[in-house]
């Protein structure tokens, strides 16, 4: 199991398991939409969420950051809505054509 340092703001608060479960296959590589970059989401025992930012670039390190539930939901819906139910315990919201999300 690979681990990465978890940050809450600027402070390192521990280590978590590395994940790239938000990556998608682009036909050539698993990626989060940016060459050499990967993205995953996890949940801490206390219920908080973290995003894991992976990199294949020399001189950069993988890291994880604590995020709000809203930021976590946005990342899942943007990058891999298929895992929404696994992460949040409910199906991803479905919008009918022409509907708008309330602010």
Protein backbone atom coordinates (compact mmCIF):
# COMPACT_ATOMS: atom_id res chain seq x y z
CA UNK A 1 0.00 0.00 0.00
CA UNK A 2 1.44 3.35 -1.05
CA UNK A 3 0.85 6.26 1.32
CA UNK A 4 1.07 10.01 0.90
CA UNK A 5 1.27 12.91 3.31
CA UNK A 6 -2.10 14.48 4.17
CA UNK A 7 -2.29 18.25 4.55
CA UNK A 8 -4.96 20.39 6.19
CA UNK A 9 -4.08 23.82 4.89
CA UNK A 10 -0.31 24.16 5.18
CA UNK A 11 0.05 21.69 8.07
CA UNK A 12 0.93 18.05 7.47
CA UNK A 13 -1.43 16.06 9.71
CA UNK A 14 -0.67 12.44 8.82
CA UNK A 15 -0.49 9.94 6.01
CA UNK A 16 -3.27 8.32 3.99
CA UNK A 17 -3.51 5.60 1.38
CA UNK A 18 -2.77 6.85 -2.13
CA UNK A 19 -5.68 6.58 -4.56
CA UNK A 20 -6.29 7.60 -8.16
CA UNK A 21 -9.94 6.48 -8.33
CA UNK A 22 -11.04 9.68 -10.09
CA UNK A 23 -8.82 9.05 -13.13
CA UNK A 24 -10.42 8.24 -16.47
CA UNK A 25 -9.00 6.32 -19.43
CA UNK A 26 -8.34 8.82 -22.26
CA UNK A 27 -7.57 6.13 -24.83
CA UNK A 28 -3.87 6.14 -24.02
CA UNK A 29 -3.41 6.70 -20.27
CA UNK A 30 -5.21 6.87 -16.95
CA UNK A 31 -5.38 10.57 -16.13
CA UNK A 32 -7.45 13.26 -14.42
CA UNK A 33 -7.32 15.35 -17.58
CA UNK A 34 -3.80 16.72 -17.30
CA UNK A 35 -0.75 14.90 -18.62
CA UNK A 36 1.17 13.10 -15.89
CA UNK A 37 -1.34 13.98 -13.19
CA UNK A 38 -3.72 11.77 -11.24
CA UNK A 39 -6.59 12.38 -8.84
CA UNK A 40 -8.31 10.30 -6.21
CA UNK A 41 -10.70 10.73 -3.34
CA UNK A 42 -10.82 9.10 0.07
CA UNK A 43 -12.64 9.45 3.35
CA UNK A 44 -11.03 9.72 6.76
CA UNK A 45 -12.29 7.81 9.81
CA UNK A 46 -13.68 11.08 11.22
CA UNK A 47 -15.86 11.56 8.11
CA UNK A 48 -13.79 14.24 6.37
CA UNK A 49 -12.80 13.80 2.74
CA UNK A 50 -9.44 14.19 1.05
CA UNK A 51 -8.28 14.56 -2.52
CA UNK A 52 -5.12 12.76 -3.48
CA UNK A 53 -3.05 14.57 -6.12
CA UNK A 54 -0.64 12.24 -7.88
CA UNK A 55 2.12 13.27 -10.24
CA UNK A 56 4.54 11.58 -12.58
CA UNK A 57 6.67 14.71 -12.93
CA UNK A 58 10.23 14.67 -11.64
CA UNK A 59 10.74 16.98 -8.68
CA UNK A 60 7.08 16.87 -7.63
CA UNK A 61 5.58 14.72 -4.89
CA UNK A 62 2.18 13.10 -4.48
CA UNK A 63 0.12 14.71 -1.72
CA UNK A 64 -3.35 14.62 -0.25
CA UNK A 65 -5.41 17.55 1.01
CA UNK A 66 -8.47 17.72 3.25
CA UNK A 67 -11.50 19.13 1.38
CA UNK A 68 -15.07 20.00 2.24
CA UNK A 69 -17.87 17.61 1.35
CA UNK A 70 -18.99 20.09 -1.31
CA UNK A 71 -15.52 20.09 -2.90
CA UNK A 72 -15.44 16.28 -2.72
CA UNK A 73 -18.83 15.96 -4.44
CA UNK A 74 -17.81 18.42 -7.16
CA UNK A 75 -14.59 16.49 -7.85
CA UNK A 76 -16.43 13.16 -8.09
CA UNK A 77 -19.13 14.55 -10.39
CA UNK A 78 -16.54 16.24 -12.60
CA UNK A 79 -14.07 13.37 -12.86
CA UNK A 80 -15.83 10.04 -12.20
CA UNK A 81 -19.55 10.15 -11.33
CA UNK A 82 -19.67 6.34 -11.52
CA UNK A 83 -18.16 6.14 -8.01
CA UNK A 84 -20.52 8.73 -6.44
CA UNK A 85 -22.66 6.10 -4.73
CA UNK A 86 -19.60 4.24 -3.39
CA UNK A 87 -18.21 7.44 -1.86
CA UNK A 88 -21.38 9.19 -0.64
CA UNK A 89 -23.85 6.30 -0.23
CA UNK A 90 -26.36 7.76 -2.68
CA UNK A 91 -26.74 7.85 -6.46
CA UNK A 92 -25.29 10.79 -8.35
CA UNK A 93 -27.89 13.50 -9.00
CA UNK A 94 -29.48 13.28 -12.43
CA UNK A 95 -30.55 16.45 -14.17
CA UNK A 96 -33.15 16.26 -16.89
CA UNK A 97 -32.36 17.98 -20.16
CA UNK A 98 -32.86 21.72 -19.92
CA UNK A 99 -32.98 21.77 -16.12
CA UNK A 100 -30.71 24.01 -14.09
CA UNK A 101 -29.08 23.46 -10.74
CA UNK A 102 -30.19 25.90 -8.08
CA UNK A 103 -27.42 28.00 -6.56
